Amino acid sequence: MNKKQFAILSAGNVLQKDEGIALYATKYLETNYSFNPSVDIIHGGIEGMNVLNILVRYEEVFVLDLIGVDDDAGSLYNLPMAKFRSLGANESADETNVLECLNMLERRGETLPEVSLLAIVPGNMDKEIGLSPALHHSFEAYMLMLIKTLEGKGITCDPIDEKKTLDSVIDSFKK
């Protein structure tokens, strides 16, 4: 099977405040940038075998998610696969899902994609659409980290002329 080169996979739930940041990030990227070579953007809510099917189709996957570490809300982490896999199952259910799928692929003798986790520490997980002030404030840095990571892989990230704001992206999930 010929694998596609790059995918960005977001995990999360917009109904739980900061849990939605990865979904907001992929929607923001999708509406505000074009990529060359192309990058497939896969929005969250992906579980189990669907994650496995995504991982086998790509050479490289960038996972956007929260990370449950003891750090300030809004702190950013860019973890390569080796570090990401060493985290174990204590950090996030979404991360565990990806880790379990990577382990399954490895047990089956399949070639693993290169996986990076681009994560942010949450501040508020209340049942509400939106972001805590800490994550709203850190969003631009989160996007910059992702764009710099993509550019480091030789992907050109060209902003479109009329960019949508983070607030308009969040509002689109309220409808």
N, C-alpha and C. Protein backbone atom coordinates (compact mmCIF):
# COMPACT_ATOMS: atom_id res chain seq x y z
N MET A 1 0.84 -1.17 0.00
CA MET A 1 0.00 0.00 0.00
C MET A 1 0.89 1.25 0.00
N ASN A 2 0.59 2.18 -0.90
CA ASN A 2 1.31 3.45 -0.90
C ASN A 2 0.75 4.34 0.19
N LYS A 3 1.63 4.79 1.06
CA LYS A 3 1.19 5.63 2.17
C LYS A 3 1.23 7.10 1.75
N LYS A 4 0.29 7.86 2.29
CA LYS A 4 0.32 9.30 2.13
C LYS A 4 1.40 9.84 3.06
N GLN A 5 1.90 11.02 2.77
CA GLN A 5 3.02 11.56 3.52
C GLN A 5 2.62 12.06 4.91
N PHE A 6 1.71 13.05 5.00
CA PHE A 6 1.48 13.74 6.26
C PHE A 6 -0.01 13.82 6.65
N ALA A 7 -0.26 13.68 7.94
CA ALA A 7 -1.60 13.91 8.49
C ALA A 7 -1.47 14.62 9.83
N ILE A 8 -2.46 15.48 10.10
CA ILE A 8 -2.60 16.09 11.42
C ILE A 8 -3.88 15.50 12.00
N LEU A 9 -3.76 14.87 13.16
CA LEU A 9 -4.89 14.22 13.82
C LEU A 9 -5.18 14.95 15.12
N SER A 10 -6.39 15.50 15.21
CA SER A 10 -6.76 16.19 16.44
C SER A 10 -7.63 15.27 17.29
N ALA A 11 -7.45 15.40 18.59
CA ALA A 11 -8.24 14.63 19.54
C ALA A 11 -8.92 15.61 20.49
N GLY A 12 -10.10 15.27 20.95
CA GLY A 12 -10.73 16.16 21.92
C GLY A 12 -12.23 16.18 21.83
N ASN A 13 -12.79 17.09 22.63
CA ASN A 13 -14.24 17.22 22.76
C ASN A 13 -14.55 18.69 23.03
N VAL A 14 -15.18 19.36 22.08
CA VAL A 14 -15.47 20.79 22.24
C VAL A 14 -16.49 21.08 23.33
N LEU A 15 -17.16 20.06 23.82
CA LEU A 15 -18.16 20.27 24.87
C LEU A 15 -17.54 20.34 26.26
N GLN A 16 -16.22 20.18 26.35
CA GLN A 16 -15.54 20.24 27.64
C GLN A 16 -14.41 21.26 27.60
N LYS A 17 -14.78 22.52 27.42
CA LYS A 17 -13.89 23.68 27.46
C LYS A 17 -12.54 23.39 26.79
N ASP A 18 -11.45 23.29 27.54
CA ASP A 18 -10.10 23.17 26.97
C ASP A 18 -9.88 21.87 26.20
N GLU A 19 -10.70 20.86 26.46
CA GLU A 19 -10.60 19.59 25.74
C GLU A 19 -10.78 19.80 24.23
N GLY A 20 -11.36 20.91 23.83
CA GLY A 20 -11.61 21.17 22.41
C GLY A 20 -10.48 21.86 21.67
N ILE A 21 -9.38 22.19 22.32
CA ILE A 21 -8.36 23.01 21.67
C ILE A 21 -7.78 22.38 20.41
N ALA A 22 -7.58 21.08 20.40
CA ALA A 22 -7.02 20.44 19.21
C ALA A 22 -7.98 20.53 18.03
N LEU A 23 -9.28 20.43 18.32
CA LEU A 23 -10.28 20.56 17.26
C LEU A 23 -10.32 21.99 16.74
N TYR A 24 -10.24 22.96 17.64
CA TYR A 24 -10.19 24.36 17.21
C TYR A 24 -8.93 24.59 16.38
N ALA A 25 -7.83 23.98 16.78
CA ALA A 25 -6.56 24.17 16.07
C ALA A 25 -6.63 23.63 14.65
N THR A 26 -7.19 22.42 14.48
CA THR A 26 -7.26 21.87 13.12
C THR A 26 -8.22 22.66 12.25
N LYS A 27 -9.33 23.11 12.83
CA LYS A 27 -10.28 23.93 12.06
C LYS A 27 -9.63 25.27 11.68
N TYR A 28 -8.89 25.85 12.61
CA TYR A 28 -8.18 27.11 12.36
C TYR A 28 -7.16 26.92 11.23
N LEU A 29 -6.40 25.84 11.29
CA LEU A 29 -5.42 25.56 10.23
C LEU A 29 -6.10 25.37 8.88
N GLU A 30 -7.15 24.58 8.89
CA GLU A 30 -7.87 24.25 7.66
C GLU A 30 -8.46 25.49 6.98
N THR A 31 -8.93 26.46 7.78
CA THR A 31 -9.56 27.64 7.20
C THR A 31 -8.59 28.78 6.94
N ASN A 32 -7.41 28.73 7.53
CA ASN A 32 -6.48 29.87 7.42
C ASN A 32 -5.18 29.60 6.68
N TYR A 33 -4.91 28.35 6.31
CA TYR A 33 -3.64 28.03 5.67
C TYR A 33 -3.82 27.04 4.53
N SER A 34 -2.90 27.11 3.59
CA SER A 34 -2.77 26.06 2.58
C SER A 34 -1.38 25.46 2.76
N PHE A 35 -1.25 24.20 2.41
CA PHE A 35 -0.01 23.46 2.66
C PHE A 35 0.53 22.87 1.38
N ASN A 36 1.87 22.88 1.27
CA ASN A 36 2.53 22.26 0.13
C ASN A 36 3.82 21.60 0.62
N PRO A 37 3.94 20.27 0.50
CA PRO A 37 2.94 19.35 -0.03
C PRO A 37 1.71 19.30 0.87
N SER A 38 0.67 18.68 0.34
CA SER A 38 -0.60 18.68 1.08
C SER A 38 -0.49 17.90 2.38
N VAL A 39 -1.32 18.30 3.32
CA VAL A 39 -1.40 17.67 4.63
C VAL A 39 -2.87 17.34 4.86
N ASP A 40 -3.17 16.09 5.18
CA ASP A 40 -4.54 15.72 5.50
C ASP A 40 -4.82 16.11 6.95
N ILE A 41 -5.93 16.80 7.16
CA ILE A 41 -6.34 17.20 8.50
C ILE A 41 -7.52 16.34 8.90
N ILE A 42 -7.33 15.60 10.00
CA ILE A 42 -8.35 14.66 10.47
C ILE A 42 -8.83 15.15 11.82
N HIS A 43 -10.11 15.51 11.88
CA HIS A 43 -10.69 16.08 13.09
C HIS A 43 -11.04 15.00 14.10
N GLY A 44 -10.92 15.32 15.38
CA GLY A 44 -11.09 14.41 16.51
C GLY A 44 -12.33 13.57 16.53
N GLY A 45 -12.52 12.93 17.67
CA GLY A 45 -13.62 11.99 17.80
C GLY A 45 -13.26 10.65 17.20
N ILE A 46 -11.98 10.44 16.93
CA ILE A 46 -11.50 9.21 16.31
C ILE A 46 -11.09 8.24 17.41
N GLU A 47 -11.58 7.01 17.34
CA GLU A 47 -11.27 6.05 18.38
C GLU A 47 -10.92 4.70 17.80
N GLY A 48 -10.27 3.89 18.62
CA GLY A 48 -10.02 2.48 18.34
C GLY A 48 -9.49 2.18 16.96
N MET A 49 -10.20 1.33 16.27
CA MET A 49 -9.75 0.86 14.96
C MET A 49 -9.62 2.01 13.96
N ASN A 50 -10.39 3.07 14.13
CA ASN A 50 -10.26 4.21 13.22
C ASN A 50 -8.89 4.85 13.35
N VAL A 51 -8.35 4.94 14.57
CA VAL A 51 -7.00 5.47 14.77
C VAL A 51 -6.00 4.55 14.10
N LEU A 52 -6.18 3.25 14.27
CA LEU A 52 -5.30 2.26 13.65
C LEU A 52 -5.29 2.44 12.13
N ASN A 53 -6.47 2.59 11.54
CA ASN A 53 -6.58 2.77 10.09
C ASN A 53 -5.89 4.05 9.63
N ILE A 54 -5.95 5.09 10.44
CA ILE A 54 -5.26 6.34 10.09
C ILE A 54 -3.75 6.14 10.14
N LEU A 55 -3.27 5.53 11.21
CA LEU A 55 -1.83 5.35 11.38
C LEU A 55 -1.20 4.53 10.26
N VAL A 56 -1.89 3.54 9.73
CA VAL A 56 -1.30 2.70 8.68
C VAL A 56 -1.32 3.40 7.31
N ARG A 57 -2.08 4.47 7.17
CA ARG A 57 -2.18 5.16 5.87
C ARG A 57 -1.15 6.26 5.66
N TYR A 58 -0.41 6.64 6.71
CA TYR A 58 0.49 7.79 6.62
C TYR A 58 1.90 7.45 7.04
N GLU A 59 2.84 8.16 6.45
CA GLU A 59 4.24 8.03 6.85
C GLU A 59 4.52 8.83 8.12
N GLU A 60 3.81 9.96 8.27
CA GLU A 60 4.03 10.80 9.44
C GLU A 60 2.71 11.39 9.91
N VAL A 61 2.47 11.32 11.24
CA VAL A 61 1.23 11.82 11.84
C VAL A 61 1.59 12.77 12.97
N PHE A 62 0.98 13.94 12.96
CA PHE A 62 1.12 14.93 14.03
C PHE A 62 -0.17 14.88 14.84
N VAL A 63 -0.08 14.46 16.09
CA VAL A 63 -1.25 14.34 16.95
C VAL A 63 -1.35 15.60 17.80
N LEU A 64 -2.50 16.28 17.73
CA LEU A 64 -2.77 17.46 18.54
C LEU A 64 -3.69 17.03 19.67
N ASP A 65 -3.29 17.34 20.91
CA ASP A 65 -4.08 16.90 22.05
C ASP A 65 -3.68 17.68 23.29
N LEU A 66 -4.40 17.42 24.36
CA LEU A 66 -4.02 17.90 25.68
C LEU A 66 -2.99 16.95 26.26
N ILE A 67 -2.27 17.41 27.28
CA ILE A 67 -1.37 16.52 28.00
C ILE A 67 -1.56 16.76 29.49
N GLY A 68 -1.75 15.68 30.21
CA GLY A 68 -2.00 15.76 31.64
C GLY A 68 -0.73 15.64 32.44
N VAL A 69 0.06 16.69 32.44
CA VAL A 69 1.29 16.70 33.24
C VAL A 69 1.18 17.83 34.25
N ASP A 70 2.03 17.78 35.25
CA ASP A 70 2.02 18.79 36.30
C ASP A 70 2.80 20.02 35.81
N ASP A 71 2.08 20.92 35.16
CA ASP A 71 2.67 22.13 34.61
C ASP A 71 1.58 23.18 34.52
N ASP A 72 1.96 24.41 34.22
CA ASP A 72 0.99 25.49 34.12
C ASP A 72 0.06 25.29 32.92
N ALA A 73 -1.20 25.66 33.09
CA ALA A 73 -2.15 25.63 31.98
C ALA A 73 -1.59 26.49 30.84
N GLY A 74 -1.65 25.94 29.63
CA GLY A 74 -1.16 26.65 28.47
C GLY A 74 0.28 26.30 28.11
N SER A 75 0.96 25.50 28.95
CA SER A 75 2.32 25.08 28.63
C SER A 75 2.29 24.15 27.43
N LEU A 76 3.27 24.29 26.56
CA LEU A 76 3.30 23.56 25.29
C LEU A 76 4.34 22.45 25.31
N TYR A 77 4.01 21.35 24.63
CA TYR A 77 4.91 20.21 24.50
C TYR A 77 4.92 19.73 23.07
N ASN A 78 6.12 19.53 22.54
CA ASN A 78 6.30 18.94 21.21
C ASN A 78 7.16 17.71 21.43
N LEU A 79 6.51 16.55 21.44
CA LEU A 79 7.19 15.31 21.80
C LEU A 79 7.33 14.38 20.59
N PRO A 80 8.55 14.00 20.27
CA PRO A 80 8.74 13.00 19.20
C PRO A 80 8.22 11.65 19.66
N MET A 81 8.07 10.73 18.73
CA MET A 81 7.45 9.45 19.01
C MET A 81 8.10 8.70 20.17
N ALA A 82 9.42 8.67 20.26
CA ALA A 82 10.08 7.92 21.33
C ALA A 82 9.66 8.47 22.70
N LYS A 83 9.66 9.78 22.84
CA LYS A 83 9.26 10.39 24.11
C LYS A 83 7.76 10.21 24.35
N PHE A 84 6.99 10.40 23.30
CA PHE A 84 5.54 10.25 23.35
C PHE A 84 5.17 8.83 23.81
N ARG A 85 5.84 7.83 23.26
CA ARG A 85 5.55 6.44 23.61
C ARG A 85 6.00 6.10 25.03
N SER A 86 6.98 6.81 25.55
CA SER A 86 7.46 6.52 26.91
C SER A 86 6.55 7.11 27.99
N LEU A 87 5.59 7.95 27.60
CA LEU A 87 4.70 8.56 28.57
C LEU A 87 3.83 7.54 29.29
N GLY A 88 3.44 6.50 28.58
CA GLY A 88 2.58 5.51 29.19
C GLY A 88 1.13 5.93 29.12
N ALA A 89 0.32 5.27 29.90
CA ALA A 89 -1.13 5.44 29.81
C ALA A 89 -1.68 6.45 30.81
N ASN A 90 -0.84 7.21 31.48
CA ASN A 90 -1.34 8.09 32.53
C ASN A 90 -1.68 9.50 32.06
N GLU A 91 -1.35 9.86 30.87
CA GLU A 91 -1.46 11.25 30.46
C GLU A 91 -2.84 11.64 29.91
N SER A 92 -3.41 10.82 29.03
CA SER A 92 -4.69 11.17 28.42
C SER A 92 -5.29 9.94 27.76
N ALA A 93 -6.60 9.85 27.78
CA ALA A 93 -7.25 8.72 27.10
C ALA A 93 -6.97 8.75 25.61
N ASP A 94 -6.92 9.94 25.00
CA ASP A 94 -6.66 10.04 23.57
C ASP A 94 -5.25 9.60 23.25
N GLU A 95 -4.28 10.02 24.06
CA GLU A 95 -2.90 9.60 23.85
C GLU A 95 -2.79 8.10 23.99
N THR A 96 -3.47 7.54 25.00
CA THR A 96 -3.44 6.10 25.22
C THR A 96 -3.97 5.38 23.99
N ASN A 97 -5.03 5.89 23.40
CA ASN A 97 -5.60 5.30 22.21
C ASN A 97 -4.56 5.22 21.09
N VAL A 98 -3.83 6.30 20.86
CA VAL A 98 -2.80 6.32 19.83
C VAL A 98 -1.67 5.37 20.22
N LEU A 99 -1.26 5.40 21.48
CA LEU A 99 -0.19 4.51 21.94
C LEU A 99 -0.57 3.05 21.77
N GLU A 100 -1.79 2.70 22.14
CA GLU A 100 -2.24 1.32 21.99
C GLU A 100 -2.20 0.89 20.53
N CYS A 101 -2.59 1.77 19.64
CA CYS A 101 -2.58 1.44 18.21
C CYS A 101 -1.15 1.29 17.69
N LEU A 102 -0.25 2.15 18.13
CA LEU A 102 1.15 2.01 17.73
C LEU A 102 1.72 0.67 18.22
N ASN A 103 1.41 0.32 19.46
CA ASN A 103 1.87 -0.96 20.02
C ASN A 103 1.30 -2.14 19.24
N MET A 104 0.03 -2.04 18.86
CA MET A 104 -0.60 -3.12 18.09
C MET A 104 0.07 -3.27 16.72
N LEU A 105 0.33 -2.15 16.05
CA LEU A 105 1.00 -2.21 14.75
C LEU A 105 2.39 -2.83 14.89
N GLU A 106 3.09 -2.46 15.92
CA GLU A 106 4.43 -3.00 16.15
C GLU A 106 4.37 -4.50 16.39
N ARG A 107 3.41 -4.96 17.19
CA ARG A 107 3.25 -6.41 17.44
C ARG A 107 2.93 -7.16 16.16
N ARG A 108 2.23 -6.52 15.24
CA ARG A 108 1.88 -7.16 13.96
C ARG A 108 3.04 -7.09 12.97
N GLY A 109 4.13 -6.42 13.34
CA GLY A 109 5.29 -6.34 12.47
C GLY A 109 5.16 -5.29 11.37
N GLU A 110 4.21 -4.38 11.52
CA GLU A 110 4.02 -3.35 10.51
C GLU A 110 4.95 -2.17 10.75
N THR A 111 5.26 -1.48 9.68
CA THR A 111 6.10 -0.29 9.78
C THR A 111 5.28 0.82 10.45
N LEU A 112 5.86 1.38 11.51
CA LEU A 112 5.17 2.46 12.21
C LEU A 112 5.38 3.79 11.51
N PRO A 113 4.34 4.62 11.52
CA PRO A 113 4.55 5.98 11.03
C PRO A 113 5.37 6.74 12.06
N GLU A 114 5.97 7.82 11.62
CA GLU A 114 6.60 8.71 12.59
C GLU A 114 5.47 9.52 13.21
N VAL A 115 5.41 9.55 14.53
CA VAL A 115 4.33 10.25 15.23
C VAL A 115 4.94 11.28 16.17
N SER A 116 4.38 12.48 16.13
CA SER A 116 4.75 13.53 17.07
C SER A 116 3.50 13.98 17.80
N LEU A 117 3.65 14.26 19.08
CA LEU A 117 2.55 14.79 19.88
C LEU A 117 2.80 16.26 20.13
N LEU A 118 1.88 17.11 19.66
CA LEU A 118 1.94 18.53 19.92
C LEU A 118 0.82 18.83 20.89
N ALA A 119 1.20 19.03 22.14
CA ALA A 119 0.19 19.06 23.21
C ALA A 119 0.28 20.33 24.03
N ILE A 120 -0.81 20.56 24.75
CA ILE A 120 -0.92 21.73 25.61
C ILE A 120 -1.59 21.29 26.91
N VAL A 121 -1.17 21.89 28.01
CA VAL A 121 -1.71 21.56 29.33
C VAL A 121 -3.03 22.32 29.51
N PRO A 122 -4.12 21.59 29.87
CA PRO A 122 -5.42 22.25 30.04
C PRO A 122 -5.52 23.04 31.34
N GLY A 123 -6.48 23.96 31.35
CA GLY A 123 -6.74 24.73 32.56
C GLY A 123 -8.14 24.51 33.09
N ASN A 124 -9.11 24.22 32.20
CA ASN A 124 -10.50 24.12 32.61
C ASN A 124 -11.19 23.07 31.74
N MET A 125 -11.85 22.11 32.38
CA MET A 125 -12.53 21.05 31.66
C MET A 125 -14.04 21.07 31.90
N ASP A 126 -14.57 22.25 32.28
CA ASP A 126 -16.01 22.38 32.51
C ASP A 126 -16.79 22.04 31.24
N LYS A 127 -18.05 21.69 31.40
CA LYS A 127 -18.91 21.37 30.26
C LYS A 127 -19.38 22.67 29.63
N GLU A 128 -18.58 23.15 28.70
CA GLU A 128 -18.85 24.43 28.03
C GLU A 128 -18.00 24.51 26.77
N ILE A 129 -18.52 25.09 25.72
CA ILE A 129 -17.76 25.29 24.49
C ILE A 129 -16.92 26.55 24.67
N GLY A 130 -15.66 26.47 24.34
CA GLY A 130 -14.77 27.62 24.46
C GLY A 130 -13.44 27.20 25.05
N LEU A 131 -12.63 28.18 25.40
CA LEU A 131 -11.32 27.92 25.99
C LEU A 131 -11.15 28.74 27.26
N SER A 132 -10.39 28.22 28.18
CA SER A 132 -10.03 28.98 29.39
C SER A 132 -9.15 30.15 28.95
N PRO A 133 -9.06 31.19 29.76
CA PRO A 133 -8.18 32.32 29.41
C PRO A 133 -6.73 31.88 29.15
N ALA A 134 -6.22 30.92 29.93
CA ALA A 134 -4.84 30.47 29.74
C ALA A 134 -4.63 29.85 28.36
N LEU A 135 -5.58 29.01 27.92
CA LEU A 135 -5.41 28.37 26.61
C LEU A 135 -5.73 29.33 25.47
N HIS A 136 -6.68 30.23 25.69
CA HIS A 136 -6.96 31.25 24.67
C HIS A 136 -5.70 32.09 24.45
N HIS A 137 -5.05 32.44 25.54
CA HIS A 137 -3.82 33.25 25.48
C HIS A 137 -2.68 32.47 24.80
N SER A 138 -2.62 31.16 24.99
CA SER A 138 -1.53 30.33 24.46
C SER A 138 -1.81 29.82 23.05
N PHE A 139 -3.01 30.06 22.52
CA PHE A 139 -3.39 29.48 21.23
C PHE A 139 -2.44 29.88 20.11
N GLU A 140 -2.08 31.14 20.03
CA GLU A 140 -1.19 31.59 18.96
C GLU A 140 0.16 30.88 19.04
N ALA A 141 0.68 30.71 20.25
CA ALA A 141 1.95 29.99 20.42
C ALA A 141 1.79 28.52 20.03
N TYR A 142 0.64 27.93 20.32
CA TYR A 142 0.35 26.55 19.94
C TYR A 142 0.36 26.42 18.41
N MET A 143 -0.27 27.38 17.74
CA MET A 143 -0.29 27.35 16.27
C MET A 143 1.12 27.55 15.71
N LEU A 144 1.86 28.46 16.30
CA LEU A 144 3.23 28.71 15.85
C LEU A 144 4.09 27.45 16.02
N MET A 145 3.93 26.74 17.14
CA MET A 145 4.67 25.50 17.35
C MET A 145 4.32 24.49 16.26
N LEU A 146 3.06 24.36 15.93
CA LEU A 146 2.63 23.42 14.89
C LEU A 146 3.18 23.83 13.53
N ILE A 147 3.05 25.10 13.19
CA ILE A 147 3.53 25.57 11.89
C ILE A 147 5.04 25.39 11.76
N LYS A 148 5.78 25.72 12.82
CA LYS A 148 7.24 25.53 12.79
C LYS A 148 7.60 24.05 12.66
N THR A 149 6.83 23.18 13.30
CA THR A 149 7.05 21.74 13.19
C THR A 149 6.83 21.28 11.75
N LEU A 150 5.74 21.75 11.14
CA LEU A 150 5.46 21.39 9.75
C LEU A 150 6.55 21.92 8.82
N GLU A 151 6.93 23.19 9.01
CA GLU A 151 7.97 23.78 8.17
C GLU A 151 9.30 23.04 8.33
N GLY A 152 9.57 22.53 9.54
CA GLY A 152 10.77 21.73 9.77
C GLY A 152 10.77 20.43 8.99
N LYS A 153 9.61 19.99 8.56
CA LYS A 153 9.46 18.78 7.74
C LYS A 153 9.40 19.12 6.25
N GLY A 154 9.63 20.39 5.91
CA GLY A 154 9.62 20.80 4.52
C GLY A 154 8.25 21.14 3.98
N ILE A 155 7.29 21.35 4.84
CA ILE A 155 5.93 21.70 4.43
C ILE A 155 5.78 23.22 4.48
N THR A 156 5.40 23.81 3.38
CA THR A 156 5.16 25.25 3.32
C THR A 156 3.75 25.52 3.84
N CYS A 157 3.63 26.44 4.77
CA CYS A 157 2.34 26.82 5.37
C CYS A 157 2.04 28.25 4.96
N ASP A 158 1.21 28.41 3.94
CA ASP A 158 0.89 29.74 3.43
C ASP A 158 -0.44 30.23 4.00
N PRO A 159 -0.41 31.38 4.72
CA PRO A 159 -1.67 31.93 5.23
C PRO A 159 -2.54 32.44 4.09
N ILE A 160 -3.85 32.28 4.24
CA ILE A 160 -4.76 32.83 3.23
C ILE A 160 -4.96 34.31 3.53
N ASP A 161 -5.50 35.04 2.57
CA ASP A 161 -5.63 36.49 2.70
C ASP A 161 -6.54 36.92 3.84
N GLU A 162 -7.72 36.36 3.92
CA GLU A 162 -8.67 36.77 4.95
C GLU A 162 -8.76 35.68 6.02
N LYS A 163 -7.93 35.80 7.02
CA LYS A 163 -7.89 34.79 8.07
C LYS A 163 -9.07 34.92 9.02
N LYS A 164 -9.58 33.77 9.47
CA LYS A 164 -10.61 33.74 10.49
C LYS A 164 -9.94 33.78 11.85
N THR A 165 -10.59 34.39 12.81
CA THR A 165 -10.04 34.49 14.15
C THR A 165 -10.34 33.20 14.94
N LEU A 166 -9.61 33.02 16.02
CA LEU A 166 -9.89 31.89 16.92
C LEU A 166 -11.33 31.98 17.42
N ASP A 167 -11.77 33.15 17.81
CA ASP A 167 -13.14 33.29 18.32
C ASP A 167 -14.19 32.89 17.28
N SER A 168 -13.95 33.22 16.00
CA SER A 168 -14.93 32.83 14.98
C SER A 168 -14.90 31.31 14.77
N VAL A 169 -13.73 30.69 14.91
CA VAL A 169 -13.64 29.23 14.81
C VAL A 169 -14.40 28.59 15.96
N ILE A 170 -14.20 29.08 17.18
CA ILE A 170 -14.92 28.55 18.34
C ILE A 170 -16.42 28.73 18.15
N ASP A 171 -16.85 29.90 17.68
CA ASP A 171 -18.28 30.16 17.45
C ASP A 171 -18.87 29.20 16.45
N SER A 172 -18.10 28.75 15.46
CA SER A 172 -18.61 27.82 14.45
C SER A 172 -19.00 26.47 15.07
N PHE A 173 -18.43 26.13 16.22
CA PHE A 173 -18.77 24.89 16.90
C PHE A 173 -20.03 25.04 17.78
N LYS A 174 -20.47 26.25 17.99
CA LYS A 174 -21.64 26.50 18.81
C LYS A 174 -22.93 26.38 18.03
N LYS A 175 -22.82 26.32 16.72
CA LYS A 175 -24.02 26.28 15.87
C LYS A 175 -24.51 24.89 15.64
